[in-house]
Amino acid sequence: MAEPFPHFLTALVDYLRATFDKLGADWVALRDPVLAALQTAHDQIELSGRPVLLHGDWKPSNLHWAGRLLVLDWEFAYARPSLMDVGQLLRWSAGRSFVDAFAKSYEASGECLSGD
């Protein structure tokens, strides 16, 4: 069994640092600004909360209706704070009405989206 990431953004920075090293000179100009932006995000974002089971690949094509909602494609599942899946879900350019309804339901369940 693989060990969990100590912190998602730390793992992402480590992965990108290794990837940029392999890409060569054409990508060198992007390396420092990208890594600096991620370091700033790392310092500002606190992905706190109790670990929950996350899908890890939320997108419309993984949701199917067969008399009830089926969630498919669980090979990226892992345990982390729930906001990790929220970001994954909303990256698919969900409409404003979906985002508003999701936020209302999420917060009604006792979760917090505001970071307070």
Protein backbone atom coordinates (compact mmCIF):
# COMPACT_ATOMS: atom_id res chain seq x y z
CA MET A 1 0.00 0.00 0.00
CA ALA A 2 1.30 3.47 -0.89
CA GLU A 3 1.83 6.06 1.82
CA PRO A 4 -0.48 9.10 1.62
CA PHE A 5 0.89 12.48 0.56
CA PRO A 6 2.19 14.44 3.56
CA HIS A 7 0.54 17.47 1.97
CA PHE A 8 -1.02 17.71 -1.49
CA LEU A 9 0.76 20.92 -2.57
CA THR A 10 4.11 19.67 -1.28
CA ALA A 11 3.70 16.54 -3.40
CA LEU A 12 2.66 18.62 -6.43
CA VAL A 13 5.70 20.92 -6.09
CA ASP A 14 8.02 17.92 -5.79
CA TYR A 15 6.44 16.31 -8.87
CA LEU A 16 6.68 19.51 -10.93
CA ARG A 17 10.27 20.17 -9.89
CA ALA A 18 11.25 16.70 -11.14
CA THR A 19 9.17 17.13 -14.31
CA PHE A 20 10.67 20.51 -15.20
CA ASP A 21 14.15 19.04 -14.73
CA LYS A 22 13.33 16.42 -17.40
CA LEU A 23 11.74 18.83 -19.92
CA GLY A 24 14.88 20.69 -20.83
CA ALA A 25 15.88 24.26 -21.63
CA ASP A 26 12.65 25.32 -23.37
CA TRP A 27 10.77 24.99 -20.08
CA VAL A 28 13.32 26.59 -17.75
CA ALA A 29 11.68 30.02 -18.01
CA LEU A 30 8.43 28.59 -16.61
CA ARG A 31 9.97 26.62 -13.77
CA ASP A 32 10.69 29.39 -11.28
CA PRO A 33 7.40 31.34 -11.71
CA VAL A 34 5.30 28.17 -11.50
CA LEU A 35 7.12 26.86 -8.44
CA ALA A 36 6.97 30.31 -6.78
CA ALA A 37 3.21 30.53 -7.37
CA LEU A 38 2.71 27.08 -5.88
CA GLN A 39 4.87 27.97 -2.88
CA THR A 40 2.70 31.06 -2.32
CA ALA A 41 -0.40 28.87 -2.57
CA HIS A 42 1.15 26.36 -0.19
CA ASP A 43 1.77 29.12 2.34
CA GLN A 44 -1.77 30.55 1.98
CA ILE A 45 -3.98 27.47 1.55
CA GLU A 46 -4.82 25.34 4.52
CA LEU A 47 -6.53 22.15 3.42
CA SER A 48 -7.75 21.34 6.87
CA GLY A 49 -10.48 19.08 7.99
CA ARG A 50 -10.90 15.47 8.81
CA PRO A 51 -9.95 13.00 6.09
CA VAL A 52 -12.87 11.55 4.16
CA LEU A 53 -13.08 9.15 1.22
CA LEU A 54 -12.57 11.19 -1.95
CA HIS A 55 -13.38 10.11 -5.46
CA GLY A 56 -10.34 11.87 -6.90
CA ASP A 57 -11.68 12.26 -10.46
CA TRP A 58 -15.01 14.07 -10.23
CA LYS A 59 -16.34 15.04 -13.63
CA PRO A 60 -19.67 14.78 -15.41
CA SER A 61 -18.70 11.67 -17.38
CA ASN A 62 -18.22 9.75 -14.11
CA LEU A 63 -21.82 10.38 -13.01
CA HIS A 64 -24.53 8.15 -14.47
CA TRP A 65 -28.24 7.75 -13.80
CA ALA A 66 -29.71 4.23 -13.65
CA GLY A 67 -32.76 4.80 -11.47
CA ARG A 68 -30.34 6.28 -8.94
CA LEU A 69 -27.09 8.21 -9.20
CA LEU A 70 -24.07 6.02 -9.87
CA VAL A 71 -20.55 7.34 -9.34
CA LEU A 72 -18.06 5.48 -11.53
CA ASP A 73 -14.28 5.42 -11.96
CA TRP A 74 -12.95 5.08 -8.41
CA GLU A 75 -9.32 4.18 -9.20
CA PHE A 76 -8.06 7.58 -7.94
CA ALA A 77 -9.90 7.34 -4.59
CA TYR A 78 -7.97 8.39 -1.49
CA ALA A 79 -8.55 9.95 1.94
CA ARG A 80 -8.03 13.71 2.32
CA PRO A 81 -10.11 16.74 3.36
CA SER A 82 -13.31 17.04 1.33
CA LEU A 83 -12.29 20.32 -0.33
CA MET A 84 -9.94 18.34 -2.56
CA ASP A 85 -12.94 16.76 -4.34
CA VAL A 86 -14.83 20.06 -4.37
CA GLY A 87 -12.03 21.65 -6.40
CA GLN A 88 -11.97 18.68 -8.74
CA LEU A 89 -15.74 18.86 -9.26
CA LEU A 90 -15.82 22.60 -9.95
CA ARG A 91 -12.92 22.62 -12.40
CA TRP A 92 -15.32 21.42 -15.11
CA SER A 93 -16.82 24.92 -15.61
CA ALA A 94 -20.03 24.17 -13.78
CA GLY A 95 -22.79 26.72 -14.35
CA ARG A 96 -23.54 29.39 -11.74
CA SER A 97 -26.81 27.73 -10.70
CA PHE A 98 -25.00 24.42 -10.09
CA VAL A 99 -22.24 26.12 -8.08
CA ASP A 100 -24.76 28.05 -5.96
CA ALA A 101 -26.89 24.96 -5.29
CA PHE A 102 -23.79 22.90 -4.49
CA ALA A 103 -22.45 25.53 -2.07
CA LYS A 104 -25.82 25.81 -0.30
CA SER A 105 -26.12 22.03 0.08
CA TYR A 106 -22.48 21.58 1.11
CA GLU A 107 -22.71 24.24 3.82
CA ALA A 108 -26.12 22.91 4.96
CA SER A 109 -24.38 19.57 5.63
CA GLY A 110 -22.12 21.34 8.14
CA GLU A 111 -19.08 21.83 5.91
CA CYS A 112 -17.43 25.21 5.30
CA LEU A 113 -16.40 26.69 1.96
CA SER A 114 -15.34 30.15 3.14
CA GLY A 115 -12.16 29.13 4.94
CA ASP A 116 -13.35 30.73 8.17
